[in-house]
Amino acid sequence: MSRAKYIAKLLGRKREVIEIVTMTGGNESIDDVEAVEPLMKELETDTTESRNELLHSITKLLEDVCLREDVDEVKELKLELNRDFHKVYLDMAFSSGLPPQMAALDASQPWMLYWIANSLQVLDPEWLSDDNKRLIVDKLFHISPECGPFGGGVGQYPHLAGTYASINALSLCSNVENSWDRINRDAIYQWLLSLKQPDGGFKTCLEVGEVDTRGVYCALSVASMLDIMTDELCEGVVDYLVACQNYEGGFGSGPFCDEAHGGYTFCAVGSLAILNALDKINCEKLMEWCSARQYNEELGLCGRSNKLVDGCYSFWVGATAAILESHNYGECIDKLALRNYILACCQAQDHPGLRDKPGKHSDFYHTNYVLLGLAISESQYFMEGSARGIELIDSRLSDKALNSSLAKINPVYGLPENSFKDFIKHFKTKNA
């Protein structure tokens, strides 16, 4: 108990750690103090309290759905995605101004374009209109008049995250008005080289950026999609990533320095898949870590040990599992349970868009990554292709009732398979 209080003080927690003694007395009355024996001690913290509250909300929601569908168990549910309802939410972004509180996302403008466009394409490839594709292209090239690399907004430094999101968003625009040929690949390549660090990592931004697995993934994703991968760019990267896997089996932000996290793990595993180097890490331990991120009660996935379930990890952890599956390591998450969490808990009947968990509001970020996670939960993955521009094919689960008719997605890149293939084919042809 004293250790728990010391850790709480060290972390600056405001709430006191509470010790709970669970006792049992066999058949004797609980009022008979002498008959009661301590069975175990538990520590109640902000995290355990939040999880208990969330679990109550999820359990109540699942029970209500079971009653409505007249089934006895959650696994018997035949849940459906309210596709047209969510389209209303996404179309709104193109037809009306965003509220003032969105100013906090000023440095994330390419991300918003990617989240919204990708969500529409995953729901239905025809739902992103040519007019909106032109708006996206005009916006991105307004952010970067040099046509790459890209910052988060007008007048901002080029950043790996902004460049990654911009390239992804452009790949969804079907080369409207020859926009793909406008991308300045030479400038992007030289900029990527300038971000390369001696230890194999990448700085996210020249002036003020940090170095972590996110930077590596963004750099390799952009380079592989634009077909500008070189030995010089990739030198030392595998060793850097291997050193990021920790004792848990997942990956931290950098070598030997952090706990495993769903986002960092995806970035590391996606990078290793692009480099065709998954065999360099402990994949069995990684699969164990992915499995441990799925709670039996909540059904969905969380991002770290002892953290709450969150819909976005349906992709970050779910895609990690899909990449491993595509490389013949087998399945390590319960896809049906994940699908049930998404459809029962991440969409609400009274508000369009998808959310983190019950009690939260929908947003563009979670709408995108929850949809990608749903597509993964309804698919099986097999390897087909090479290290540069991995092409993965999937087959729908046999039960047609478990098919939301979403686009097939490439879990390494978080893009609809057809859009991704068209984009990389365009640049491979130019380099042929």
Protein backbone atom coordinates (compact mmCIF):
# COMPACT_ATOMS: atom_id res chain seq x y z
CA MET A 1 0.00 0.00 0.00
CA SER A 2 2.83 2.39 0.87
CA ARG A 3 4.41 1.65 -2.51
CA ALA A 4 1.14 2.44 -4.31
CA LYS A 5 0.85 5.75 -2.44
CA TYR A 6 4.46 6.63 -3.30
CA ILE A 7 3.84 5.94 -7.01
CA ALA A 8 0.64 8.02 -6.88
CA LYS A 9 2.58 10.91 -5.36
CA LEU A 10 5.37 10.52 -7.91
CA LEU A 11 2.87 10.69 -10.77
CA GLY A 12 1.05 13.65 -9.28
CA ARG A 13 -2.28 11.89 -8.87
CA LYS A 14 -4.80 13.98 -6.97
CA ARG A 15 -6.99 11.11 -5.87
CA GLU A 16 -5.87 8.97 -2.95
CA VAL A 17 -5.25 5.27 -3.56
CA ILE A 18 -7.84 3.27 -1.60
CA GLU A 19 -7.16 -0.18 -0.25
CA ILE A 20 -10.12 -2.57 -0.42
CA VAL A 21 -10.06 -5.83 1.53
CA THR A 22 -12.21 -8.58 0.06
CA MET A 23 -13.14 -11.09 2.75
CA THR A 24 -14.84 -14.43 3.03
CA GLY A 25 -16.12 -16.42 5.97
CA GLY A 26 -17.36 -19.57 4.35
CA ASN A 27 -20.88 -20.36 5.56
CA GLU A 28 -20.64 -18.10 8.61
CA SER A 29 -22.47 -14.82 8.83
CA ILE A 30 -20.58 -11.77 7.56
CA ASP A 31 -21.45 -10.13 10.87
CA ASP A 32 -19.30 -12.64 12.70
CA VAL A 33 -16.00 -10.76 12.58
CA GLU A 34 -13.98 -13.69 13.89
CA ALA A 35 -15.25 -15.91 11.07
CA VAL A 36 -14.20 -13.46 8.40
CA GLU A 37 -10.79 -14.00 6.86
CA PRO A 38 -8.99 -11.70 4.42
CA LEU A 39 -9.05 -13.25 0.95
CA MET A 40 -7.31 -10.59 -1.14
CA LYS A 41 -6.47 -6.92 -1.23
CA GLU A 42 -7.29 -4.64 -4.11
CA LEU A 43 -6.23 -1.07 -4.84
CA GLU A 44 -8.85 1.31 -6.16
CA THR A 45 -7.48 4.05 -8.42
CA ASP A 46 -8.79 6.52 -10.98
CA THR A 47 -8.18 3.89 -13.65
CA THR A 48 -10.05 1.06 -11.91
CA GLU A 49 -12.93 3.38 -11.07
CA SER A 50 -13.15 4.62 -14.66
CA ARG A 51 -13.04 1.07 -16.00
CA ASN A 52 -15.82 -0.06 -13.66
CA GLU A 53 -18.00 2.85 -14.78
CA LEU A 54 -17.28 2.16 -18.44
CA LEU A 55 -17.86 -1.57 -18.04
CA HIS A 56 -21.23 -0.86 -16.46
CA SER A 57 -22.18 1.36 -19.43
CA ILE A 58 -21.04 -1.21 -21.98
CA THR A 59 -22.75 -4.10 -20.20
CA LYS A 60 -26.01 -2.15 -20.00
CA LEU A 61 -25.77 -1.19 -23.68
CA LEU A 62 -25.07 -4.77 -24.80
CA GLU A 63 -27.92 -6.10 -22.62
CA ASP A 64 -30.31 -3.59 -24.21
CA VAL A 65 -29.21 -4.62 -27.71
CA CYS A 66 -29.66 -8.30 -26.85
CA LEU A 67 -33.16 -7.61 -25.54
CA ARG A 68 -34.03 -5.60 -28.63
CA GLU A 69 -32.84 -8.39 -30.92
CA ASP A 70 -34.25 -11.10 -28.65
CA VAL A 71 -31.01 -13.09 -28.30
CA ASP A 72 -29.39 -14.59 -25.23
CA GLU A 73 -25.70 -13.89 -25.95
CA VAL A 74 -23.75 -11.06 -27.54
CA LYS A 75 -22.12 -13.42 -30.04
CA GLU A 76 -25.58 -14.14 -31.48
CA LEU A 77 -26.18 -10.48 -32.38
CA LYS A 78 -26.65 -9.52 -36.03
CA LEU A 79 -25.53 -5.91 -35.76
CA GLU A 80 -25.43 -3.53 -38.71
CA LEU A 81 -23.52 -0.39 -39.60
CA ASN A 82 -25.76 2.64 -40.14
CA ARG A 83 -23.90 3.66 -43.29
CA ASP A 84 -26.18 6.41 -44.63
CA PHE A 85 -26.43 8.00 -41.19
CA HIS A 86 -22.65 8.32 -40.91
CA LYS A 87 -22.39 9.70 -44.46
CA VAL A 88 -24.45 12.70 -43.33
CA TYR A 89 -21.82 13.47 -40.69
CA LEU A 90 -18.91 13.24 -43.15
CA ASP A 91 -20.62 15.24 -45.91
CA MET A 92 -21.24 18.02 -43.41
CA ALA A 93 -17.52 18.76 -43.32
CA PHE A 94 -17.60 19.76 -47.00
CA SER A 95 -20.86 21.69 -46.89
CA SER A 96 -20.54 23.85 -43.77
CA GLY A 97 -17.91 25.65 -41.75
CA LEU A 98 -16.31 23.86 -38.82
CA PRO A 99 -17.05 25.19 -35.31
CA PRO A 100 -14.59 27.56 -33.57
CA GLN A 101 -13.29 24.84 -31.23
CA MET A 102 -11.78 23.15 -34.27
CA ALA A 103 -9.12 25.89 -34.24
CA ALA A 104 -7.15 23.57 -31.98
CA LEU A 105 -6.64 21.36 -35.06
CA ASP A 106 -5.08 24.12 -37.17
CA ALA A 107 -1.86 22.11 -37.48
CA SER A 108 -3.82 18.98 -38.41
CA GLN A 109 -5.58 20.15 -41.55
CA PRO A 110 -4.17 17.39 -43.83
CA TRP A 111 -5.18 14.84 -41.19
CA MET A 112 -8.78 16.01 -41.23
CA LEU A 113 -8.87 15.77 -45.01
CA TYR A 114 -7.50 12.23 -44.84
CA TRP A 115 -9.86 11.12 -42.04
CA ILE A 116 -12.96 12.46 -43.80
CA ALA A 117 -12.06 11.39 -47.34
CA ASN A 118 -10.89 7.96 -46.22
CA SER A 119 -14.03 7.36 -44.18
CA LEU A 120 -16.20 8.13 -47.18
CA GLN A 121 -14.13 5.90 -49.46
CA VAL A 122 -14.21 3.02 -46.97
CA LEU A 123 -17.99 3.32 -46.69
CA ASP A 124 -18.44 3.55 -50.46
CA PRO A 125 -15.85 4.46 -53.13
CA GLU A 126 -18.48 6.54 -54.93
CA TRP A 127 -19.24 8.74 -51.92
CA LEU A 128 -16.20 11.01 -52.33
CA SER A 129 -17.27 13.20 -55.24
CA ASP A 130 -14.94 14.63 -57.87
CA ASP A 131 -15.83 18.14 -56.68
CA ASN A 132 -14.71 17.30 -53.16
CA LYS A 133 -11.58 15.65 -54.51
CA ARG A 134 -10.71 18.93 -56.24
CA LEU A 135 -11.32 20.82 -53.00
CA ILE A 136 -8.92 18.48 -51.18
CA VAL A 137 -6.24 18.86 -53.85
CA ASP A 138 -6.56 22.64 -53.90
CA LYS A 139 -6.35 22.80 -50.11
CA LEU A 140 -3.24 20.62 -49.87
CA PHE A 141 -1.34 22.46 -52.60
CA HIS A 142 -2.35 25.73 -50.96
CA ILE A 143 -0.73 24.46 -47.75
CA SER A 144 2.37 23.56 -49.76
CA PRO A 145 2.69 25.68 -52.93
CA GLU A 146 5.88 23.72 -53.68
CA CYS A 147 3.69 20.56 -53.77
CA GLY A 148 5.62 18.88 -50.99
CA PRO A 149 6.74 18.33 -48.37
CA PHE A 150 3.65 19.40 -46.42
CA GLY A 151 3.05 21.12 -43.10
CA GLY A 152 -0.05 21.02 -40.95
CA GLY A 153 -1.37 24.30 -42.32
CA VAL A 154 -0.51 27.38 -44.35
CA GLY A 155 2.83 28.91 -43.34
CA GLN A 156 3.80 26.01 -41.07
CA TYR A 157 7.02 24.00 -41.19
CA PRO A 158 6.95 20.79 -43.23
CA HIS A 159 6.26 17.88 -40.90
CA LEU A 160 6.35 14.11 -41.39
CA ALA A 161 2.86 13.66 -39.97
CA GLY A 162 1.42 16.37 -42.20
CA THR A 163 3.22 14.96 -45.25
CA TYR A 164 2.01 11.43 -44.51
CA ALA A 165 -1.60 12.61 -44.14
CA SER A 166 -1.32 14.73 -47.29
CA ILE A 167 -0.01 11.88 -49.43
CA ASN A 168 -2.74 9.59 -48.09
CA ALA A 169 -5.40 12.20 -48.84
CA LEU A 170 -4.05 12.76 -52.37
CA SER A 171 -4.06 9.01 -53.02
CA LEU A 172 -7.83 9.08 -52.44
CA CYS A 173 -8.40 11.73 -55.10
CA SER A 174 -8.04 9.47 -58.17
CA ASN A 175 -5.44 11.73 -59.80
CA VAL A 176 -8.11 14.34 -60.43
CA GLU A 177 -6.69 17.09 -62.67
CA ASN A 178 -3.36 15.20 -62.79
CA SER A 179 -2.78 16.07 -59.14
CA TRP A 180 -0.46 13.10 -58.55
CA ASP A 181 2.01 14.38 -61.15
CA ARG A 182 2.20 17.68 -59.29
CA ILE A 183 3.69 16.04 -56.18
CA ASN A 184 7.32 17.13 -55.85
CA ARG A 185 8.90 13.75 -55.20
CA ASP A 186 12.49 15.00 -55.49
CA ALA A 187 11.94 17.67 -52.85
CA ILE A 188 10.20 15.19 -50.57
CA TYR A 189 13.04 12.69 -50.93
CA GLN A 190 15.76 15.23 -50.13
CA TRP A 191 13.72 16.44 -47.15
CA LEU A 192 13.33 12.88 -45.87
CA LEU A 193 17.09 12.40 -46.09
CA SER A 194 17.60 15.59 -44.08
CA LEU A 195 15.38 14.16 -41.33
CA LYS A 196 17.30 10.87 -41.14
CA GLN A 197 19.17 10.35 -37.87
CA PRO A 198 22.43 8.41 -37.31
CA ASP A 199 20.64 5.75 -35.23
CA GLY A 200 18.17 4.96 -38.04
CA GLY A 201 15.29 7.07 -36.77
CA PHE A 202 13.65 10.09 -38.41
CA LYS A 203 13.06 13.52 -36.93
CA THR A 204 9.47 14.59 -37.53
CA CYS A 205 10.37 18.20 -38.31
CA LEU A 206 13.75 19.78 -39.00
CA GLU A 207 13.57 22.64 -36.53
CA VAL A 208 11.59 21.31 -33.58
CA GLY A 209 10.70 17.68 -34.28
CA GLU A 210 11.05 14.63 -32.09
CA VAL A 211 12.42 11.22 -33.06
CA ASP A 212 10.22 8.16 -32.56
CA THR A 213 8.55 5.25 -34.36
CA ARG A 214 5.83 7.52 -35.73
CA GLY A 215 8.44 9.42 -37.72
CA VAL A 216 9.88 6.20 -39.11
CA TYR A 217 6.49 4.95 -40.24
CA CYS A 218 5.44 8.25 -41.82
CA ALA A 219 8.75 8.49 -43.70
CA LEU A 220 8.64 4.90 -45.00
CA SER A 221 4.96 5.06 -45.88
CA VAL A 222 5.46 8.21 -47.95
CA ALA A 223 8.64 6.91 -49.58
CA SER A 224 7.16 3.53 -50.49
CA MET A 225 3.96 5.03 -51.90
CA LEU A 226 5.88 7.55 -54.01
CA ASP A 227 8.42 4.90 -55.05
CA ILE A 228 11.39 6.88 -53.74
CA MET A 229 12.72 4.19 -51.37
CA THR A 230 16.50 3.82 -51.45
CA ASP A 231 19.11 1.93 -49.46
CA GLU A 232 20.38 5.24 -48.12
CA LEU A 233 16.97 6.14 -46.77
CA CYS A 234 16.49 2.73 -45.14
CA GLU A 235 19.96 2.29 -43.67
CA GLY A 236 19.84 1.41 -39.97
CA VAL A 237 16.06 1.63 -39.75
CA VAL A 238 15.47 -2.07 -39.01
CA ASP A 239 17.94 -2.04 -36.11
CA TYR A 240 16.27 1.09 -34.75
CA LEU A 241 12.83 -0.54 -34.84
CA VAL A 242 13.97 -3.86 -33.39
CA ALA A 243 15.34 -1.98 -30.39
CA CYS A 244 11.89 -0.43 -29.81
CA GLN A 245 10.26 -3.78 -28.96
CA ASN A 246 10.16 -4.14 -25.19
CA TYR A 247 9.63 -6.97 -22.72
CA GLU A 248 5.84 -6.77 -23.14
CA GLY A 249 6.06 -7.71 -26.80
CA GLY A 250 4.72 -4.43 -28.14
CA PHE A 251 6.71 -1.35 -29.15
CA GLY A 252 7.45 1.92 -27.43
CA SER A 253 8.21 5.30 -28.94
CA GLY A 254 11.96 4.73 -29.18
CA PRO A 255 14.73 2.25 -28.44
CA PHE A 256 14.87 0.97 -24.86
CA CYS A 257 12.86 3.87 -23.47
CA ASP A 258 9.10 3.40 -23.25
CA GLU A 259 6.16 1.13 -22.47
CA ALA A 260 4.40 -0.62 -25.32
CA HIS A 261 1.65 1.45 -26.95
CA GLY A 262 -0.86 0.59 -29.65
CA GLY A 263 -0.02 3.54 -31.89
CA TYR A 264 3.74 3.12 -31.63
CA THR A 265 3.38 -0.63 -32.12
CA PHE A 266 1.43 -0.17 -35.34
CA CYS A 267 4.00 2.31 -36.63
CA ALA A 268 6.87 -0.07 -35.89
CA VAL A 269 5.14 -3.16 -37.31
CA GLY A 270 3.89 -1.30 -40.38
CA SER A 271 7.43 -0.04 -41.00
CA LEU A 272 8.92 -3.51 -40.62
CA ALA A 273 6.31 -4.87 -43.04
CA ILE A 274 7.27 -2.23 -45.61
CA LEU A 275 10.92 -3.22 -45.13
CA ASN A 276 10.05 -6.93 -45.30
CA ALA A 277 11.73 -7.42 -41.92
CA LEU A 278 9.05 -8.80 -39.59
CA ASP A 279 11.21 -11.87 -39.07
CA LYS A 280 13.70 -9.69 -37.16
CA ILE A 281 11.39 -9.26 -34.16
CA ASN A 282 9.69 -11.57 -31.67
CA CYS A 283 6.35 -11.99 -33.43
CA GLU A 284 5.04 -14.59 -30.96
CA LYS A 285 5.50 -12.14 -28.09
CA LEU A 286 3.93 -9.40 -30.20
CA MET A 287 0.87 -11.59 -30.83
CA GLU A 288 0.53 -12.19 -27.09
CA TRP A 289 0.63 -8.44 -26.51
CA CYS A 290 -2.05 -7.82 -29.14
CA SER A 291 -4.28 -10.50 -27.62
CA ALA A 292 -3.87 -8.95 -24.17
CA ARG A 293 -5.20 -5.64 -25.49
CA GLN A 294 -8.66 -7.19 -25.96
CA TYR A 295 -10.76 -7.46 -22.83
CA ASN A 296 -13.37 -10.23 -22.57
CA GLU A 297 -15.92 -7.95 -20.93
CA GLU A 298 -15.62 -4.90 -23.20
CA LEU A 299 -14.95 -6.91 -26.40
CA GLY A 300 -12.93 -4.06 -27.94
CA LEU A 301 -9.24 -3.15 -27.88
CA CYS A 302 -7.19 -0.85 -25.69
CA GLY A 303 -3.81 0.72 -26.42
CA ARG A 304 -1.75 -0.06 -23.31
CA SER A 305 -1.75 -2.30 -20.27
CA ASN A 306 -4.44 -1.37 -17.72
CA LYS A 307 -6.02 1.28 -19.98
CA LEU A 308 -9.60 1.71 -21.13
CA VAL A 309 -10.97 0.29 -24.37
CA ASP A 310 -10.93 2.83 -27.22
CA GLY A 311 -12.44 2.48 -30.69
CA CYS A 312 -9.39 3.86 -32.51
CA TYR A 313 -7.31 0.86 -31.38
CA SER A 314 -9.62 -1.25 -33.51
CA PHE A 315 -7.21 -0.09 -36.20
CA TRP A 316 -3.92 0.57 -34.40
CA VAL A 317 -3.91 -2.85 -32.70
CA GLY A 318 -6.31 -4.53 -35.13
CA ALA A 319 -4.16 -3.60 -38.14
CA THR A 320 -1.05 -4.84 -36.32
CA ALA A 321 -2.81 -8.18 -35.90
CA ALA A 322 -3.90 -8.13 -39.56
CA ILE A 323 -0.32 -7.54 -40.73
CA LEU A 324 0.84 -10.52 -38.67
CA GLU A 325 -2.02 -12.59 -40.07
CA SER A 326 -1.05 -11.66 -43.62
CA HIS A 327 2.44 -13.00 -42.93
CA ASN A 328 1.01 -16.37 -41.85
CA TYR A 329 1.38 -15.89 -38.10
CA GLY A 330 -2.32 -16.62 -37.56
CA GLU A 331 -5.04 -14.61 -35.84
CA CYS A 332 -4.40 -13.10 -32.41
CA ILE A 333 -7.61 -11.13 -31.74
CA ASP A 334 -11.27 -12.13 -31.61
CA LYS A 335 -12.62 -10.39 -34.71
CA LEU A 336 -16.27 -11.14 -34.01
CA ALA A 337 -16.02 -9.67 -30.51
CA LEU A 338 -14.29 -6.58 -31.92
CA ARG A 339 -17.01 -6.20 -34.56
CA ASN A 340 -19.70 -6.40 -31.88
CA TYR A 341 -17.97 -3.74 -29.77
CA ILE A 342 -17.70 -1.39 -32.73
CA LEU A 343 -21.29 -1.77 -33.91
CA ALA A 344 -22.87 -1.83 -30.46
CA CYS A 345 -20.71 0.69 -28.62
CA CYS A 346 -19.02 2.99 -31.16
CA GLN A 347 -22.12 4.17 -33.00
CA ALA A 348 -25.11 5.90 -31.45
CA GLN A 349 -28.68 5.98 -32.71
CA ASP A 350 -29.10 9.71 -32.07
CA HIS A 351 -25.86 11.12 -33.54
CA PRO A 352 -23.99 10.21 -36.74
CA GLY A 353 -20.30 9.43 -36.87
CA LEU A 354 -18.34 6.92 -34.80
CA ARG A 355 -16.87 7.37 -31.34
CA ASP A 356 -14.26 6.15 -28.91
CA LYS A 357 -16.63 4.47 -26.42
CA PRO A 358 -20.09 4.91 -24.85
CA GLY A 359 -20.43 8.35 -23.32
CA LYS A 360 -18.12 10.01 -25.86
CA HIS A 361 -19.02 12.14 -28.86
CA SER A 362 -18.22 11.10 -32.43
CA ASP A 363 -15.37 12.81 -34.27
CA PHE A 364 -13.61 12.51 -37.63
CA TYR A 365 -10.55 10.78 -36.17
CA HIS A 366 -12.50 7.98 -34.52
CA THR A 367 -14.92 7.68 -37.44
CA ASN A 368 -11.99 6.87 -39.75
CA TYR A 369 -10.10 4.46 -37.53
CA VAL A 370 -13.18 2.69 -36.21
CA LEU A 371 -14.34 2.09 -39.79
CA LEU A 372 -10.90 0.73 -40.69
CA GLY A 373 -11.04 -1.52 -37.64
CA LEU A 374 -14.49 -2.73 -38.64
CA ALA A 375 -13.23 -3.59 -42.12
CA ILE A 376 -10.38 -5.57 -40.53
CA SER A 377 -12.76 -7.41 -38.21
CA GLU A 378 -14.73 -8.62 -41.24
CA SER A 379 -11.73 -9.72 -43.30
CA GLN A 380 -9.02 -12.32 -43.54
CA TYR A 381 -5.58 -11.33 -44.78
CA PHE A 382 -3.07 -13.09 -46.99
CA MET A 383 0.28 -11.98 -48.36
CA GLU A 384 0.61 -11.02 -52.00
CA GLY A 385 3.40 -8.75 -53.05
CA SER A 386 6.82 -7.41 -52.18
CA ALA A 387 8.44 -5.19 -49.60
CA ARG A 388 7.89 -1.97 -51.51
CA GLY A 389 4.21 -1.18 -51.68
CA ILE A 390 2.86 -4.29 -50.01
CA GLU A 391 -0.29 -5.52 -51.68
CA LEU A 392 -2.60 -7.49 -49.44
CA ILE A 393 -5.75 -9.27 -50.52
CA ASP A 394 -8.58 -10.23 -48.22
CA SER A 395 -11.62 -12.46 -48.34
CA ARG A 396 -14.85 -11.65 -46.58
CA LEU A 397 -16.01 -13.83 -43.74
CA SER A 398 -18.37 -16.48 -45.04
CA ASP A 399 -21.39 -15.33 -43.04
CA LYS A 400 -23.03 -12.63 -45.16
CA ALA A 401 -24.70 -11.23 -42.05
CA LEU A 402 -21.23 -10.21 -40.85
CA ASN A 403 -20.52 -8.03 -43.86
CA SER A 404 -20.92 -4.25 -43.66
CA SER A 405 -20.03 -3.91 -47.38
CA LEU A 406 -17.01 -1.77 -46.62
CA ALA A 407 -14.13 -1.35 -49.05
CA LYS A 408 -11.23 -3.76 -48.72
CA ILE A 409 -8.42 -1.97 -46.92
CA ASN A 410 -4.67 -2.34 -46.81
CA PRO A 411 -3.82 -2.56 -43.09
CA VAL A 412 -0.21 -1.42 -43.57
CA TYR A 413 -1.28 1.93 -45.03
CA GLY A 414 -4.82 2.42 -43.69
CA LEU A 415 -6.22 2.99 -47.17
CA PRO A 416 -8.81 1.30 -49.39
CA GLU A 417 -7.00 -1.36 -51.37
CA ASN A 418 -8.05 -0.09 -54.80
CA SER A 419 -7.01 3.52 -54.12
CA PHE A 420 -3.69 2.37 -52.72
CA LYS A 421 -2.93 0.09 -55.68
CA ASP A 422 -3.82 2.77 -58.24
CA PHE A 423 -1.56 5.27 -56.50
CA ILE A 424 1.55 3.09 -56.23
CA LYS A 425 1.04 1.76 -59.76
CA HIS A 426 1.05 5.33 -61.06
CA PHE A 427 4.50 6.05 -59.58
CA LYS A 428 5.98 2.67 -60.37
CA THR A 429 5.02 3.22 -64.00
CA LYS A 430 6.71 6.63 -63.98
CA ASN A 431 9.92 5.06 -62.66
CA ALA A 432 9.85 2.11 -65.04
